[in-house]
Amino acid sequence: QRRDTLAAAADMIIATERICQPGWSKRGGHLGALKDNVSNEKEEMLVCTVGHIINMPNAKNTISGAVNMTVDVRARREEVRDAAAEDISAAVHEACSARRMEMCELVTSHEAPPVESAEAPTKRLRSA
């Protein structure tokens, strides 16, 4: 089996999308463990975005040797955000293991507590 890091990154992106899509509170993993503390999944506002991918060597007809990518995980509560990050981390390591990647490293580059937006603009945005 080829050790194509770009293919592994694709697996990770799909896993991230699956983990964070609606219905997350009804599935297993760290997020599913929160189901008793979640009354309305939509109100938790969980959003996960793969924002930047750097493929190396990024040449035609070449098996990728390394990939760096960013994943932004946001939620109204830290507990939900952290659970999603744990589930994504597990999926990343699973993808690396399945594709026999020699090195798979996760680095947190920024972490901040959620911040509530002002009520009036939030209402206007929700009704838009």
Foldseek 3Di string as FASTA:
>chain_A
DDLFVVVLVVQLVVQLCVCQDPPNCCDDFQNVVCVVVDPDPVQFVWDKDWDDKDWPPPDPPDRTDDMDTDMDIDTQFPSNSVRSVVSSVVSSVVSCVVSVPPDDDDDDPDDDGHDDDDDVVVVVVVVD
